[in-house]
Structure formats: structure tokens, C-alpha cells
Amino acid sequence: MVSKTFKEYTLEEIALHNKEGDVWIIIDSKVYDVSKFANLHPGGPNVLFADAVAGKDSTQAFFGLHRHEVLLKPQYALLQIGKVQGQEETIKAPQPGELSRVPYAEPTWLTSGYYSPYYSENHRKFQTAVRTFFTTVVQPEAIKCEDSGKRIPQEVVDKMSETNIIAMRLGPGKHLQGRSLMGGIVKPEEFDYFHESIIHAELARVSSRAVVDGLLAGLVIGLPPILNYGSPELQAKVVPDTLAGKKYIALAISEAFAGSDVGGLQTTAVRDGDYWVVTGTKKWITNGTFADYFTTGCKTDTGFTVILIERGPGVSTKQIKTAYSSVAGTAYVTFDKVRVPVGNTLGKVGAGMSVILSNFNHERWMVCATSVAAQRQIVEECLKWSTQRIVFGKPLTSLAVIRSKLAAMISRVEGCQNWFESITYQMNNMSYSQQSDKLAGPIGLLKQYISRSGRETAEDATQVFGGRALTVTGMGKLVENYHRTSGFDAILAGAEDVLGDLGVRQALKKMPRDTRL
């Protein structure tokens, strides 16, 4: 697109246009004619007629009320008629893939002049490509779907499949063999958990908590049991279509009767020849409203068993309204005497607990990855707002109480980031069985720490933004959404108190018997 050449005006020329019916304003060196727009202004026309605004540089006043993205909307960009002579634009929209220059807005490994033992140049190249993709392909639709509650468009899912982002969200493994990852930036055999964590983090930067789940989180937690425990025939039927985004899958474990208490599930599967007959209900099932398959926990006469159930006769779903957008597809699922081939059993009959527990570590680690990134974005929002918001003639940062809140937020997110990276490094150097043995407790404790840190940061952020943190649009819209939804990280994939207790119990099991004070 060819950029438009604007006429230049002197400050004296602009100052003449300062009355009702003829109002020009300056915002960051750009001249806008708002004469006809005044009556359409959401804040009323008088704001534009004020002596401090009409015919003057209104940059500070504008950014005290509006986000920069407002100026980028076509209907407002058309109001620009020129630029100030001798001045240049200083506040520019970030380019796709560009890093933020706000301190602590990016993790240390992406910050110029800092170093990391974990990330290579390939990780950095990969991160640029992933951020560019999410910014250009996912973000525009994520914003629309957060508001409408509609499922992410198939076109977006198809593009995610083309780059193999869907497959990469499952982590390293055989399922990546033969695939071109982000156009060949990283080879399948070189892809590690730090690469995967980049995908989760970049997704969280451009998406609300609901959209993060709506973008096939059900597959991330529902497909691994099939990859690890499904028969070759079942894998051949399900895996290609789900990784291609043609079919959708959800993990159906929790019920109204049992959440973190997996052993208390009530859904039953009764053997009838070559079929299971499944009866029961599942609740809070992410992606359940649009899932084609359900990786389902059932009670059998020999114990807890996991069975893959395909949507069909006897399977019904209905939306559950939650504190976040219905784009996540949260569902109440009913199985009414559903006949399921015995070949759909995942793992051994009665050994379903090991199937599910082996899946929890990765799910909880994924929640940690997205949660840290979302928390860091709130830190960035607060740093930006507190430096541009003027109170009592000074920026918010002149107040010690605000600086104290910023210090707490920064300390928390850096602590979360560093512990997360330490755990991820261990994952890269452990086998699957070693991870199950050594990391279940630490990951549980990490998730508890991150989710609690997130809610503390949400509270601090609302105080920094004040009333703006209570509105779903405008300056504080990201803070409002985060404050409303950050608690999901404390519940989904295991309640934080349960996970904290898990971490301690696992530590106690490893206590040497001969230790004494």
C-alpha cells in the first residue's frame, strides 16, 4: 500500500481552527480535522471544543483517554488532513513480529543486551515467525470471537494446520516426524519444549483467556492419550484429521460429581459384546460444544478406564456460560447409552488413572506457559499507563504507591518466568517416565505459584488503572478481562490447592527415612 502524502501546516495555521464548526487538533505530529466528527465523538462534542484541545497539540489529552489503536481504525485515520511542519511521528504501531521496548514486557531472553542458557538463535528466529503469524492471522479474529462468543473461524484453524502449529502444541514427539514446522525454521528432531512454550506464550499475547482455550486447547489435552495409548487403527482414524484441524477433540473427565477428585467419577461404561455402553454426564468440558471426539473417563467393573467416544447417537452437548467468552466452547456433555467399539479403549481396562495422570503434567505446564505470558502483558499495560496518565500534574509513576505495585508485579512475573524455564529445561533433558516421576510435584507447585501470582497482579493492575479497569472497552480493557478470567488458571487442569498439596506429598514420599534435626 502506498502511503499518502500529507500537506504540512505550521502551528500558527492550525491554531486558527479552534471553534465550533471548524476544529483541528494535533496528535503526535498529525493534524486532524474533527469539525464534522465532533457530534459523533463518543465523549460528546464539547471535549473537542475545549480551549486546551481545539487548534492545539492534544497528544497528551488524547492518550489520557484513548489507546493508540483508535487512531489506526480506518474511520479515524480518514480524519487526518496533514502533519505539523518540522515534526515527525513518534508513536508508531508495532510491526508484525516486533518486540516491545517496554522494560519487562518481554522475557529476559528476548531483551537486548541480556543472555540466557536455555534459548538458541533458532529459538529467537522461531519466536519472530510465531509472533508474526499470531499477530497477523489469529489476533484480528481472536478479538472478534472474544466479543461474539463464536468459535474461531475454520480459515484460522486451517492456517494453523498448514504451519503445523496445531501439532507443535503437543510438544516434541513422533507426531512431528515428516512435518514442516513454521516453514522449516526448526527441524522436527530439534523441536523442544522451549519451542513449544514460545507458541503458548505468543498465543496468550494476542488472545484472551477464552480464546486461548477456544483455539483447540481441547486437542492439546485430549489427543495425547490417543497418541500414547490408542491402537494403530484408532490413531490412523483420529490423529491425521485432528492435527489437520478437520476434526475436533475434547478431554471429558470432570463432572458435576467430581472435579479434581478423578476417582469420584460417575460416568459408567458397561461391556456388551464388542461394545461399551456409556452412560453419564461431563461438565466444564473445554471445546465440548464443537468437539467431534471425547477422550472420556469412565467407571467400569474393573476400575477407571479411558474411552474415546465419537459424537453420534446418544451424545449431546450444551453450552455452559462462564466468566469468560463462549468462544472456548465450554460444554455440559451427556452420554445416553452410547455404544462405543471396544477398540476405542485407551490403554488397559481399569488402568485409566495412569492414562490420565501421565497427561496432566503437560497440560499443567501448558497452563503455566500461557499464564506467565498473559501476566507479563498486564505488567506492560501498567507500565505504559502509569507513565502516560497524568494526575495532580504528574504521571502516575511519581506516586510511591504506584511504583510499589509495579515492583511487586515485575518481581512476580520474573519469578514465575525463571521457575518455568527451569522446569522446562528439566523436561528437555528427561524421558517421559522421568518427567512423571520427578516433575509432577514441581509442576503442580509451579502452577499454584503462577496462578496465585497472576491474581495478585490482577488486583494490583485494577488499582493502577482505577475505574478504567472495570470497563470491557477502552484503556483498561485488557486489565478488565485479565482480572475477570485470571482465576481460570487456578482451577483448570487441577485446582491450585490440590496441586500444592500434590507437590508437598510427592516431596514427602522422597524424604530420606534417616533424616533428623
Protein backbone atom coordinates (compact mmCIF):
# COMPACT_ATOMS: atom_id res chain seq x y z
CA MET A 1 0.00 0.00 0.00
CA VAL A 2 1.37 3.41 -1.00
CA SER A 3 1.41 5.83 1.93
CA LYS A 4 -0.46 9.08 1.46
CA THR A 5 1.49 12.34 1.29
CA PHE A 6 0.03 14.92 3.64
CA LYS A 7 0.25 18.70 3.47
CA GLU A 8 2.33 20.36 6.18
CA TYR A 9 0.89 23.10 8.39
CA THR A 10 2.53 25.48 10.83
CA LEU A 11 1.40 25.60 14.44
CA GLU A 12 0.08 29.11 13.79
CA GLU A 13 -2.11 27.90 10.89
CA ILE A 14 -3.51 25.06 12.95
CA ALA A 15 -4.28 27.36 15.90
CA LEU A 16 -6.75 29.34 13.75
CA HIS A 17 -9.09 26.34 13.58
CA ASN A 18 -10.31 26.42 17.16
CA LYS A 19 -14.05 26.97 17.22
CA GLU A 20 -17.26 25.02 16.78
CA GLY A 21 -17.73 24.04 13.14
CA ASP A 22 -14.03 24.46 12.42
CA VAL A 23 -11.84 22.38 14.74
CA TRP A 24 -8.40 20.96 14.03
CA ILE A 25 -6.30 19.09 16.57
CA ILE A 26 -2.77 17.72 16.67
CA ILE A 27 -1.99 14.20 17.85
CA ASP A 28 1.62 13.06 17.62
CA SER A 29 2.54 15.49 14.80
CA LYS A 30 -0.56 14.57 12.75
CA VAL A 31 -3.27 17.12 12.01
CA TYR A 32 -6.90 16.02 12.21
CA ASP A 33 -9.97 17.93 11.07
CA VAL A 34 -12.65 16.91 13.57
CA SER A 35 -15.19 19.58 12.63
CA LYS A 36 -17.77 17.16 11.20
CA PHE A 37 -16.79 14.37 13.57
CA ALA A 38 -17.45 16.41 16.72
CA ASN A 39 -21.12 15.45 17.03
CA LEU A 40 -20.20 11.78 16.54
CA HIS A 41 -17.50 11.82 19.20
CA PRO A 42 -18.38 9.18 21.84
CA GLY A 43 -17.37 11.58 24.60
CA GLY A 44 -19.51 14.41 23.23
CA PRO A 45 -18.51 17.41 21.07
CA ASN A 46 -17.58 19.74 23.92
CA VAL A 47 -14.41 17.78 24.63
CA LEU A 48 -13.10 18.75 21.19
CA PHE A 49 -14.14 22.39 21.58
CA ALA A 50 -12.21 22.86 24.84
CA ASP A 51 -9.55 25.57 24.89
CA ALA A 52 -6.86 23.04 25.76
CA VAL A 53 -7.69 20.91 22.70
CA ALA A 54 -9.07 22.89 19.75
CA GLY A 55 -6.29 24.11 17.47
CA LYS A 56 -3.61 22.78 19.79
CA ASP A 57 -1.37 19.78 20.36
CA SER A 58 -3.75 17.32 22.03
CA THR A 59 -1.39 14.37 22.21
CA GLN A 60 -1.29 14.19 26.00
CA ALA A 61 -5.04 14.69 26.33
CA PHE A 62 -5.75 12.02 23.72
CA PHE A 63 -3.55 9.37 25.31
CA GLY A 64 -5.03 10.11 28.68
CA LEU A 65 -8.33 8.82 27.31
CA HIS A 66 -7.65 6.56 24.34
CA ARG A 67 -5.47 3.66 23.23
CA HIS A 68 -3.23 4.20 20.22
CA GLU A 69 -5.18 1.60 18.24
CA VAL A 70 -8.08 4.08 17.98
CA LEU A 71 -6.04 6.25 15.61
CA LEU A 72 -5.38 3.23 13.40
CA LYS A 73 -9.05 2.50 12.74
CA PRO A 74 -9.98 3.45 9.15
CA GLN A 75 -12.83 5.77 10.15
CA TYR A 76 -10.50 7.85 12.32
CA ALA A 77 -7.48 7.68 10.04
CA LEU A 78 -9.62 9.38 7.37
CA LEU A 79 -9.85 12.45 9.60
CA GLN A 80 -6.15 13.19 9.14
CA ILE A 81 -5.61 16.10 6.75
CA GLY A 82 -1.93 16.84 7.25
CA LYS A 83 1.07 16.94 9.55
CA VAL A 84 2.84 19.58 11.60
CA GLN A 85 5.68 21.28 9.80
CA GLY A 86 9.05 20.21 11.18
CA GLN A 87 7.65 17.43 13.37
CA GLU A 88 7.80 13.65 12.96
CA GLU A 89 5.52 10.93 14.25
CA THR A 90 6.98 9.26 17.37
CA ILE A 91 4.23 6.84 18.45
CA LYS A 92 4.01 4.08 15.89
CA ALA A 93 2.03 0.85 15.74
CA PRO A 94 4.20 -2.24 16.32
CA GLN A 95 5.06 -4.17 13.18
CA PRO A 96 4.22 -7.88 12.96
CA GLY A 97 6.89 -9.85 14.82
CA GLU A 98 8.33 -6.76 16.51
CA LEU A 99 9.43 -6.93 20.15
CA SER A 100 8.20 -4.47 22.74
CA ARG A 101 10.73 -1.94 24.05
CA VAL A 102 8.89 -1.52 27.36
CA PRO A 103 11.02 -2.86 30.25
CA TYR A 104 9.85 -6.31 31.44
CA ALA A 105 7.31 -6.54 28.60
CA GLU A 106 9.40 -9.34 27.13
CA PRO A 107 11.16 -12.20 28.94
CA THR A 108 14.85 -11.63 29.53
CA TRP A 109 15.94 -13.98 26.75
CA LEU A 110 14.25 -11.70 24.20
CA THR A 111 15.55 -8.46 25.72
CA SER A 112 18.50 -6.79 24.01
CA GLY A 113 21.73 -7.00 25.99
CA TYR A 114 20.65 -9.93 28.16
CA TYR A 115 21.61 -13.59 27.94
CA SER A 116 20.02 -16.98 28.58
CA PRO A 117 21.47 -20.50 28.87
CA TYR A 118 18.24 -22.02 27.58
CA TYR A 119 17.47 -20.37 24.24
CA SER A 120 19.39 -20.57 20.96
CA GLU A 121 19.36 -18.35 17.90
CA ASN A 122 16.93 -20.86 16.39
CA HIS A 123 14.50 -20.21 19.25
CA ARG A 124 14.71 -16.48 18.54
CA LYS A 125 14.10 -16.96 14.83
CA PHE A 126 11.22 -19.27 15.63
CA GLN A 127 9.73 -16.75 18.06
CA THR A 128 9.75 -13.99 15.43
CA ALA A 129 7.92 -16.20 12.94
CA VAL A 130 5.37 -17.36 15.51
CA ARG A 131 4.66 -13.84 16.75
CA THR A 132 4.23 -12.61 13.18
CA PHE A 133 1.79 -15.43 12.47
CA PHE A 134 -0.31 -14.89 15.59
CA THR A 135 -0.36 -11.11 15.16
CA THR A 136 -1.45 -11.19 11.53
CA VAL A 137 -3.58 -14.35 11.33
CA VAL A 138 -5.01 -15.01 14.79
CA GLN A 139 -5.28 -11.68 16.60
CA PRO A 140 -7.88 -9.98 14.34
CA GLU A 141 -10.22 -12.97 14.60
CA ALA A 142 -9.46 -13.50 18.29
CA ILE A 143 -10.74 -10.01 19.07
CA LYS A 144 -13.94 -10.60 17.10
CA CYS A 145 -14.61 -14.02 18.61
CA GLU A 146 -13.97 -12.86 22.17
CA ASP A 147 -16.81 -10.38 21.70
CA SER A 148 -19.18 -12.56 19.68
CA GLY A 149 -18.56 -15.82 21.52
CA LYS A 150 -18.43 -17.66 18.21
CA ARG A 151 -15.94 -20.43 17.50
CA ILE A 152 -12.65 -19.44 15.86
CA PRO A 153 -13.16 -19.50 12.06
CA GLN A 154 -12.10 -22.61 10.20
CA GLU A 155 -9.84 -20.48 7.99
CA VAL A 156 -7.68 -19.65 11.01
CA VAL A 157 -7.55 -23.30 12.07
CA ASP A 158 -6.54 -24.29 8.53
CA LYS A 159 -3.65 -21.82 8.55
CA MET A 160 -2.53 -23.09 11.95
CA SER A 161 -2.54 -26.58 10.50
CA GLU A 162 -0.54 -25.51 7.44
CA THR A 163 2.29 -24.25 9.66
CA ASN A 164 1.85 -27.30 11.94
CA ILE A 165 1.23 -25.09 14.98
CA ILE A 166 -1.56 -27.48 15.99
CA ALA A 167 0.86 -30.41 16.03
CA MET A 168 3.62 -28.44 17.75
CA ARG A 169 1.33 -27.53 20.66
CA LEU A 170 1.52 -31.20 21.67
CA GLY A 171 5.27 -30.88 22.25
CA PRO A 172 8.19 -32.89 20.86
CA GLY A 173 7.46 -36.39 19.62
CA LYS A 174 6.88 -38.82 16.78
CA HIS A 175 3.78 -36.93 15.67
CA LEU A 176 6.08 -34.23 14.26
CA GLN A 177 8.08 -36.55 12.02
CA GLY A 178 7.92 -35.60 8.35
CA ARG A 179 6.26 -32.25 9.04
CA SER A 180 7.50 -28.82 8.02
CA LEU A 181 7.47 -26.70 11.18
CA MET A 182 6.87 -22.98 10.62
CA GLY A 183 8.10 -23.26 7.05
CA GLY A 184 11.13 -25.33 8.01
CA ILE A 185 12.58 -22.95 10.61
CA VAL A 186 13.06 -25.81 13.04
CA LYS A 187 13.51 -29.49 12.22
CA PRO A 188 11.14 -31.97 13.89
CA GLU A 189 14.03 -33.73 15.65
CA GLU A 190 15.31 -30.38 17.01
CA PHE A 191 11.93 -29.13 18.25
CA ASP A 192 11.93 -28.97 22.07
CA TYR A 193 9.75 -27.76 24.91
CA PHE A 194 11.17 -24.24 24.69
CA HIS A 195 9.91 -24.07 21.10
CA GLU A 196 6.52 -25.24 22.29
CA SER A 197 6.49 -22.74 25.16
CA ILE A 198 7.05 -19.95 22.62
CA ILE A 199 3.86 -20.97 20.81
CA HIS A 200 1.81 -20.92 24.02
CA ALA A 201 3.29 -17.58 25.09
CA GLU A 202 2.71 -15.87 21.76
CA LEU A 203 -0.84 -17.19 21.59
CA ALA A 204 -1.54 -15.70 25.03
CA ARG A 205 -0.14 -12.32 23.93
CA VAL A 206 -2.77 -11.90 21.21
CA SER A 207 -5.69 -13.77 22.75
CA SER A 208 -7.94 -13.53 25.75
CA ARG A 209 -8.02 -16.44 28.21
CA ALA A 210 -11.14 -17.75 26.49
CA VAL A 211 -9.61 -17.61 23.02
CA VAL A 212 -6.50 -19.44 24.25
CA ASP A 213 -8.82 -22.29 25.22
CA GLY A 214 -11.01 -21.90 22.15
CA LEU A 215 -8.04 -22.36 19.83
CA LEU A 216 -8.13 -26.14 20.27
CA ALA A 217 -6.91 -26.46 23.85
CA GLY A 218 -9.16 -29.50 23.89
CA LEU A 219 -6.88 -31.15 21.35
CA VAL A 220 -3.76 -30.36 23.35
CA ILE A 221 -5.15 -32.25 26.33
CA GLY A 222 -7.43 -34.73 24.57
CA LEU A 223 -5.21 -36.14 21.81
CA PRO A 224 -2.09 -37.28 23.75
CA PRO A 225 -3.91 -40.27 25.33
CA ILE A 226 -4.71 -41.46 21.80
CA LEU A 227 -1.12 -40.93 20.64
CA ASN A 228 0.24 -42.75 23.68
CA TYR A 229 -2.38 -45.44 24.33
CA GLY A 230 -4.61 -45.78 21.26
CA SER A 231 -4.44 -48.75 18.90
CA PRO A 232 -2.75 -48.21 15.49
CA GLU A 233 -6.17 -48.42 13.85
CA LEU A 234 -7.65 -45.78 16.16
CA GLN A 235 -4.67 -43.49 15.69
CA ALA A 236 -4.93 -43.80 11.91
CA LYS A 237 -8.58 -42.77 12.05
CA VAL A 238 -8.32 -39.88 14.51
CA VAL A 239 -4.83 -38.34 14.53
CA PRO A 240 -4.48 -37.12 10.90
CA ASP A 241 -7.86 -35.35 10.83
CA THR A 242 -7.45 -33.72 14.25
CA LEU A 243 -3.92 -32.45 13.55
CA ALA A 244 -5.19 -31.14 10.21
CA GLY A 245 -7.93 -29.22 12.00
CA LYS A 246 -10.66 -31.14 10.17
CA LYS A 247 -11.96 -32.79 13.33
CA TYR A 248 -12.04 -31.53 16.91
CA ILE A 249 -11.44 -33.33 20.17
CA ALA A 250 -12.08 -32.61 23.85
CA LEU A 251 -10.94 -34.16 27.11
CA ALA A 252 -14.05 -35.23 29.04
CA ILE A 253 -13.03 -36.07 32.61
CA SER A 254 -14.58 -33.62 35.09
CA GLU A 255 -18.19 -33.98 36.22
CA ALA A 256 -20.64 -32.22 38.46
CA PHE A 257 -19.87 -35.06 40.90
CA ALA A 258 -16.08 -34.88 40.64
CA GLY A 259 -13.52 -32.32 39.52
CA SER A 260 -10.02 -32.69 40.94
CA ASP A 261 -11.24 -35.94 42.55
CA VAL A 262 -10.87 -38.02 39.38
CA GLY A 263 -11.55 -41.18 41.35
CA GLY A 264 -15.08 -39.99 42.15
CA LEU A 265 -16.37 -40.02 38.57
CA GLN A 266 -19.87 -41.40 37.99
CA THR A 267 -19.98 -41.96 34.21
CA THR A 268 -20.19 -45.72 33.59
CA ALA A 269 -19.17 -47.99 30.72
CA VAL A 270 -20.73 -51.47 30.66
CA ARG A 271 -19.37 -54.14 28.33
CA ASP A 272 -21.84 -55.54 25.78
CA GLY A 273 -20.01 -57.86 23.40
CA ASP A 274 -17.68 -55.81 21.21
CA TYR A 275 -19.07 -52.53 22.53
CA TRP A 276 -19.08 -50.38 25.61
CA VAL A 277 -22.40 -48.84 26.59
CA VAL A 278 -21.56 -45.47 28.15
CA THR A 279 -23.97 -43.52 30.34
CA GLY A 280 -23.28 -40.35 32.31
CA THR A 281 -22.53 -36.64 32.13
CA LYS A 282 -19.45 -34.46 31.96
CA LYS A 283 -19.19 -30.79 32.92
CA TRP A 284 -16.90 -27.82 32.13
CA ILE A 285 -15.55 -29.57 29.03
CA THR A 286 -13.36 -27.18 27.02
CA ASN A 287 -14.21 -27.22 23.27
CA GLY A 288 -17.05 -29.62 24.06
CA THR A 289 -19.69 -27.66 22.14
CA PHE A 290 -17.92 -28.28 18.84
CA ALA A 291 -15.91 -31.45 19.54
CA ASP A 292 -16.21 -34.48 17.25
CA TYR A 293 -14.43 -36.79 19.72
CA PHE A 294 -14.37 -37.00 23.51
CA THR A 295 -11.50 -38.63 25.40
CA THR A 296 -13.69 -39.80 28.26
CA GLY A 297 -13.05 -41.09 31.76
CA CYS A 298 -15.46 -43.91 32.73
CA LYS A 299 -16.11 -46.35 35.57
CA THR A 300 -16.05 -50.00 34.54
CA ASP A 301 -16.47 -53.16 36.60
CA THR A 302 -12.68 -53.49 36.75
CA GLY A 303 -11.91 -49.86 37.53
CA PHE A 304 -11.38 -46.47 35.93
CA THR A 305 -11.00 -46.68 32.14
CA VAL A 306 -10.47 -44.10 29.39
CA ILE A 307 -12.52 -44.49 26.20
CA LEU A 308 -12.63 -42.36 23.03
CA ILE A 309 -16.26 -41.55 22.21
CA GLU A 310 -17.22 -40.15 18.81
CA ARG A 311 -20.09 -37.69 18.56
CA GLY A 312 -23.16 -39.54 17.35
CA PRO A 313 -26.41 -41.08 18.61
CA GLY A 314 -26.77 -40.62 22.36
CA VAL A 315 -24.14 -37.86 22.59
CA SER A 316 -25.42 -34.34 23.23
CA THR A 317 -23.76 -31.12 24.32
CA LYS A 318 -24.94 -27.75 25.54
CA GLN A 319 -23.06 -24.58 26.28
CA ILE A 320 -22.14 -23.60 29.83
CA LYS A 321 -21.99 -19.87 30.46
CA THR A 322 -18.86 -18.98 32.37
CA ALA A 323 -16.99 -15.83 33.38
CA TYR A 324 -15.14 -15.88 30.10
CA SER A 325 -16.33 -15.88 26.48
CA SER A 326 -18.20 -18.83 24.99
CA VAL A 327 -15.56 -18.90 22.22
CA ALA A 328 -13.93 -21.57 24.41
CA GLY A 329 -16.85 -23.89 23.75
CA THR A 330 -17.26 -24.89 27.41
CA ALA A 331 -19.87 -27.63 27.49
CA TYR A 332 -22.08 -29.93 29.51
CA VAL A 333 -21.87 -33.32 27.78
CA THR A 334 -24.43 -36.09 28.10
CA PHE A 335 -23.82 -39.71 27.13
CA ASP A 336 -27.12 -41.59 26.96
CA LYS A 337 -26.41 -45.31 26.47
CA VAL A 338 -23.84 -44.56 23.80
CA ARG A 339 -22.46 -47.65 22.07
CA VAL A 340 -18.70 -47.38 21.61
CA PRO A 341 -16.45 -50.02 19.99
CA VAL A 342 -14.18 -51.75 22.50
CA GLY A 343 -11.32 -50.86 20.14
CA ASN A 344 -11.74 -47.26 21.28
CA THR A 345 -10.37 -48.14 24.72
CA LEU A 346 -7.22 -46.15 25.52
CA GLY A 347 -4.74 -48.25 27.45
CA LYS A 348 -5.77 -51.23 29.54
CA VAL A 349 -9.21 -51.63 31.03
CA GLY A 350 -9.06 -50.49 34.64
CA ALA A 351 -5.76 -48.66 34.11
CA GLY A 352 -7.29 -45.34 33.11
CA MET A 353 -5.79 -43.46 36.02
CA SER A 354 -2.27 -43.88 34.65
CA VAL A 355 -3.51 -42.74 31.21
CA ILE A 356 -4.93 -39.52 32.64
CA LEU A 357 -2.22 -38.80 35.18
CA SER A 358 0.50 -39.12 32.53
CA ASN A 359 -1.32 -36.41 30.59
CA PHE A 360 -1.68 -33.93 33.45
CA ASN A 361 1.95 -32.77 33.63
CA HIS A 362 1.96 -31.40 30.10
CA GLU A 363 -1.48 -29.82 30.48
CA ARG A 364 -0.48 -28.02 33.68
CA TRP A 365 2.81 -26.92 32.17
CA MET A 366 0.91 -25.50 29.18
CA VAL A 367 -1.35 -23.51 31.50
CA CYS A 368 1.78 -22.15 33.18
CA ALA A 369 3.21 -21.06 29.82
CA THR A 370 0.12 -19.10 28.77
CA SER A 371 -0.44 -17.72 32.27
CA VAL A 372 3.06 -16.23 32.57
CA ALA A 373 2.75 -14.58 29.15
CA ALA A 374 -0.66 -13.09 29.99
CA GLN A 375 0.67 -11.82 33.31
CA ARG A 376 3.63 -10.19 31.57
CA GLN A 377 1.29 -8.42 29.17
CA ILE A 378 -0.53 -6.88 32.14
CA VAL A 379 2.80 -5.66 33.52
CA GLU A 380 3.42 -3.98 30.16
CA GLU A 381 -0.04 -2.39 30.18
CA CYS A 382 0.51 -0.99 33.68
CA LEU A 383 3.95 0.41 32.84
CA LYS A 384 2.55 2.14 29.76
CA TRP A 385 -0.50 3.54 31.51
CA SER A 386 1.28 4.73 34.64
CA THR A 387 3.79 6.73 32.58
CA GLN A 388 1.20 8.39 30.32
CA ARG A 389 -1.58 9.00 32.85
CA ILE A 390 -1.25 12.46 34.41
CA VAL A 391 -2.67 13.06 37.90
CA PHE A 392 -2.14 16.17 40.01
CA GLY A 393 0.03 17.48 37.18
CA LYS A 394 2.41 14.50 37.24
CA PRO A 395 2.48 10.97 35.79
CA LEU A 396 1.18 8.15 37.96
CA THR A 397 4.73 6.87 38.34
CA SER A 398 5.51 9.89 40.51
CA LEU A 399 3.47 8.22 43.27
CA ALA A 400 5.40 5.82 45.50
CA VAL A 401 2.36 3.59 45.98
CA ILE A 402 2.13 3.02 42.21
CA ARG A 403 5.85 2.28 41.92
CA SER A 404 5.44 -0.21 44.77
CA LYS A 405 2.68 -2.03 42.89
CA LEU A 406 4.79 -2.08 39.73
CA ALA A 407 7.72 -3.51 41.68
CA ALA A 408 5.54 -6.30 43.05
CA MET A 409 4.13 -7.13 39.61
CA ILE A 410 7.57 -7.19 37.99
CA SER A 411 9.04 -9.35 40.76
CA ARG A 412 6.22 -11.87 40.49
CA VAL A 413 6.34 -12.28 36.73
CA GLU A 414 10.13 -12.60 36.71
CA GLY A 415 9.96 -15.21 39.45
CA CYS A 416 7.30 -17.13 37.51
CA GLN A 417 9.31 -16.91 34.29
CA ASN A 418 12.54 -18.17 35.79
CA TRP A 419 10.96 -21.10 37.65
CA PHE A 420 9.03 -22.00 34.48
CA GLU A 421 12.20 -22.00 32.39
CA SER A 422 14.00 -24.16 34.95
CA ILE A 423 11.19 -26.76 34.83
CA THR A 424 11.15 -26.62 31.01
CA TYR A 425 14.89 -27.29 30.91
CA GLN A 426 14.35 -30.38 33.05
CA MET A 427 11.63 -31.57 30.66
CA ASN A 428 14.04 -31.25 27.75
CA ASN A 429 16.54 -33.50 29.49
CA MET A 430 14.22 -36.15 30.93
CA SER A 431 12.40 -39.07 29.42
CA TYR A 432 8.62 -39.19 29.65
CA SER A 433 8.77 -41.62 32.57
CA GLN A 434 11.36 -39.49 34.38
CA GLN A 435 9.14 -36.44 33.99
CA SER A 436 6.23 -38.36 35.50
CA ASP A 437 8.37 -39.43 38.44
CA LYS A 438 10.25 -36.22 39.18
CA LEU A 439 8.24 -33.30 37.81
CA ALA A 440 4.59 -33.92 38.74
CA GLY A 441 5.10 -32.30 42.14
CA PRO A 442 7.23 -29.35 40.97
CA ILE A 443 4.86 -28.61 38.07
CA GLY A 444 1.92 -28.68 40.50
CA LEU A 445 3.68 -26.24 42.81
CA LEU A 446 4.69 -24.07 39.85
CA LYS A 447 1.12 -23.84 38.60
CA GLN A 448 -0.09 -22.93 42.09
CA TYR A 449 2.56 -20.20 42.36
CA ILE A 450 1.87 -18.78 38.90
CA SER A 451 -1.91 -18.74 39.28
CA ARG A 452 -1.71 -17.02 42.67
CA SER A 453 0.83 -14.52 41.34
CA GLY A 454 -1.50 -13.80 38.43
CA ARG A 455 -4.44 -12.99 40.65
CA GLU A 456 -2.30 -10.72 42.83
CA THR A 457 -1.12 -8.93 39.71
CA ALA A 458 -4.71 -8.64 38.50
CA GLU A 459 -5.64 -6.90 41.76
CA ASP A 460 -2.68 -4.53 41.60
CA ALA A 461 -3.42 -3.73 37.95
CA THR A 462 -7.00 -2.72 38.71
CA GLN A 463 -5.72 -0.24 41.28
CA VAL A 464 -3.26 1.20 38.78
CA PHE A 465 -5.98 1.65 36.14
CA GLY A 466 -8.74 2.66 38.54
CA GLY A 467 -12.22 2.92 37.03
CA ARG A 468 -10.89 2.06 33.60
CA ALA A 469 -10.13 -1.43 34.87
CA LEU A 470 -13.86 -2.03 35.28
CA THR A 471 -14.87 -1.42 31.66
CA VAL A 472 -14.70 -4.01 28.88
CA THR A 473 -13.56 -1.49 26.26
CA GLY A 474 -11.09 1.36 26.14
CA MET A 475 -7.90 1.95 28.06
CA GLY A 476 -8.29 -0.80 30.63
CA LYS A 477 -9.95 -3.50 28.53
CA LEU A 478 -7.06 -5.97 28.83
CA VAL A 479 -6.85 -5.46 32.58
CA GLU A 480 -10.61 -5.91 32.97
CA ASN A 481 -10.52 -9.15 31.00
CA TYR A 482 -7.48 -10.43 32.87
CA HIS A 483 -8.96 -9.58 36.26
CA ARG A 484 -12.15 -11.41 35.33
CA THR A 485 -10.51 -14.51 33.88
CA SER A 486 -7.12 -14.98 35.58
CA GLY A 487 -8.81 -17.20 38.15
CA PHE A 488 -9.38 -19.84 35.46
CA ASP A 489 -5.69 -20.74 35.70
CA ALA A 490 -6.19 -21.57 39.36
CA ILE A 491 -8.96 -24.08 38.58
CA LEU A 492 -8.47 -25.65 35.15
CA ALA A 493 -6.06 -28.61 34.93
CA GLY A 494 -6.30 -29.05 38.70
CA ALA A 495 -7.28 -26.66 41.50
CA GLU A 496 -4.25 -24.84 42.89
CA ASP A 497 -4.69 -26.04 46.47
CA VAL A 498 -4.91 -29.64 45.29
CA LEU A 499 -1.76 -29.15 43.20
CA GLY A 500 0.09 -27.52 46.08
CA ASP A 501 -0.78 -30.48 48.26
CA LEU A 502 0.32 -32.84 45.47
CA GLY A 503 3.70 -31.15 45.35
CA VAL A 504 4.23 -31.48 49.10
CA ARG A 505 3.01 -35.08 49.23
CA GLN A 506 5.40 -36.06 46.44
CA ALA A 507 8.25 -34.34 48.28
CA LEU A 508 7.37 -36.20 51.49
CA LYS A 509 7.49 -39.52 49.64
CA LYS A 510 11.10 -38.79 48.75
CA MET A 511 12.11 -37.74 52.26
CA PRO A 512 15.01 -39.94 53.47
CA ARG A 513 13.89 -42.08 56.38
CA ASP A 514 17.05 -41.47 58.34
CA THR A 515 16.90 -37.66 58.36
CA ARG A 516 16.75 -35.96 61.77
CA LEU A 517 17.35 -32.46 63.09
